[in-house]
Amino acid sequence: MKNTKTKFFSAITIATMIIFLCSASKNQQSNSKYLTMQAIESALNGGAKIVIAFPDGQTQEFDLSKQGSSENASKINKVINALSEKGYELISSNGLQVTATYIFVKK
């Protein structure tokens, strides 16, 4: 009799934990706020810039100098650090010679 009750309460406890963990995971995923940053180092018509798209749809732009300069690398690094200080974590980055895309998520 005791063995049956123990198994029953163990099964209920495990089922409750699974339901709790699944609902916590869904809540965490739906609250994610993504930010996209593009660094465009085009030398054409002075179009080199950083464009940031915030989760709320707002955008912000910063001018960069000519393509491939160390000044640009420093400015991109400063912007990434500033976003980190605002609570964003870099989760992905990719790019070619003239355009790099960085994806951040709000912590």
Protein backbone atom coordinates (compact mmCIF):
# COMPACT_ATOMS: atom_id res chain seq x y z
CA MET A 1 0.00 0.00 0.00
CA LYS A 2 2.78 2.43 0.97
CA ASN A 3 4.72 1.49 -2.17
CA THR A 4 1.71 2.33 -4.39
CA LYS A 5 1.22 5.71 -2.67
CA THR A 6 4.91 6.52 -3.04
CA LYS A 7 4.82 5.71 -6.76
CA PHE A 8 1.64 7.77 -7.19
CA PHE A 9 3.08 10.85 -5.46
CA SER A 10 6.36 10.46 -7.34
CA ALA A 11 4.49 10.36 -10.66
CA ILE A 12 2.48 13.48 -9.74
CA THR A 13 5.64 15.31 -8.65
CA ILE A 14 7.45 14.45 -11.89
CA ALA A 15 4.45 15.46 -14.02
CA THR A 16 4.17 18.79 -12.16
CA MET A 17 7.88 19.48 -12.66
CA ILE A 18 7.64 18.74 -16.40
CA ILE A 19 4.64 21.06 -16.81
CA PHE A 20 6.41 23.81 -14.83
CA LEU A 21 9.64 23.52 -16.84
CA CYS A 22 7.81 23.52 -20.19
CA SER A 23 5.78 26.62 -19.31
CA ALA A 24 8.89 28.43 -18.01
CA SER A 25 10.71 27.65 -21.26
CA LYS A 26 7.82 28.99 -23.38
CA ASN A 27 7.66 32.22 -21.35
CA GLN A 28 11.39 32.79 -21.71
CA GLN A 29 11.27 32.29 -25.48
CA SER A 30 8.30 34.59 -26.06
CA ASN A 31 9.89 37.43 -24.08
CA SER A 32 13.02 37.55 -26.23
CA LYS A 33 13.82 40.94 -27.71
CA TYR A 34 16.17 40.92 -30.68
CA LEU A 35 18.27 43.79 -31.97
CA THR A 36 19.97 43.82 -35.36
CA MET A 37 23.07 45.86 -36.15
CA GLN A 38 24.62 46.20 -39.59
CA ALA A 39 28.01 47.70 -40.29
CA ILE A 40 28.14 48.83 -43.91
CA GLU A 41 31.62 49.85 -45.05
CA SER A 42 30.79 50.90 -48.58
CA ALA A 43 33.19 53.44 -50.03
CA LEU A 44 30.57 54.55 -52.58
CA ASN A 45 29.13 58.01 -51.98
CA GLY A 46 30.26 58.05 -48.35
CA GLY A 47 27.68 55.41 -47.43
CA ALA A 48 29.76 53.77 -44.69
CA LYS A 49 27.65 53.52 -41.53
CA ILE A 50 26.34 51.45 -38.66
CA VAL A 51 22.58 50.91 -38.61
CA ILE A 52 20.88 49.56 -35.48
CA ALA A 53 17.29 48.27 -35.50
CA PHE A 54 15.95 48.08 -31.94
CA PRO A 55 13.24 45.60 -30.85
CA ASP A 56 10.61 48.37 -30.75
CA GLY A 57 11.23 49.28 -34.41
CA GLN A 58 13.33 52.39 -33.74
CA THR A 59 16.55 52.77 -35.71
CA GLN A 60 19.80 54.58 -35.05
CA GLU A 61 22.67 55.32 -37.43
CA PHE A 62 26.34 56.15 -36.95
CA ASP A 63 28.67 57.29 -39.71
CA LEU A 64 31.86 55.35 -40.47
CA SER A 65 34.91 56.44 -42.43
CA LYS A 66 36.24 54.79 -45.57
CA GLN A 67 36.15 51.04 -46.03
CA GLY A 68 38.43 48.86 -43.93
CA SER A 69 39.90 51.48 -41.62
CA SER A 70 41.03 50.67 -38.09
CA GLU A 71 38.94 53.64 -36.96
CA ASN A 72 35.84 51.74 -38.15
CA ALA A 73 36.82 48.62 -36.21
CA SER A 74 37.22 50.73 -33.08
CA LYS A 75 33.83 52.42 -33.58
CA ILE A 76 32.06 49.09 -34.22
CA ASN A 77 33.65 47.69 -31.06
CA LYS A 78 32.48 50.71 -29.03
CA VAL A 79 28.92 50.29 -30.28
CA ILE A 80 28.94 46.56 -29.45
CA ASN A 81 30.21 47.33 -25.93
CA ALA A 82 27.58 50.06 -25.48
CA LEU A 83 24.84 47.61 -26.47
CA SER A 84 26.24 45.06 -24.02
CA GLU A 85 26.08 47.67 -21.25
CA LYS A 86 22.40 48.22 -22.14
CA GLY A 87 21.73 44.53 -21.51
CA TYR A 88 22.08 43.06 -25.00
CA GLU A 89 24.10 39.90 -25.66
CA LEU A 90 25.67 39.18 -29.05
CA ILE A 91 24.35 35.83 -30.28
CA SER A 92 25.32 35.84 -33.97
CA SER A 93 27.48 37.70 -36.43
CA ASN A 94 28.38 37.24 -40.07
CA GLY A 95 29.56 39.33 -42.94
CA LEU A 96 31.51 39.85 -46.09
CA GLN A 97 33.96 42.57 -47.03
CA VAL A 98 31.52 45.48 -47.03
CA THR A 99 28.64 44.42 -44.78
CA ALA A 100 28.56 42.70 -41.40
CA THR A 101 25.39 41.79 -39.50
CA TYR A 102 25.25 41.34 -35.72
CA ILE A 103 22.26 39.88 -33.87
CA PHE A 104 21.76 40.64 -30.19
CA VAL A 105 19.17 39.44 -27.69
CA LYS A 106 18.04 41.34 -24.60
CA LYS A 107 19.25 39.53 -21.47
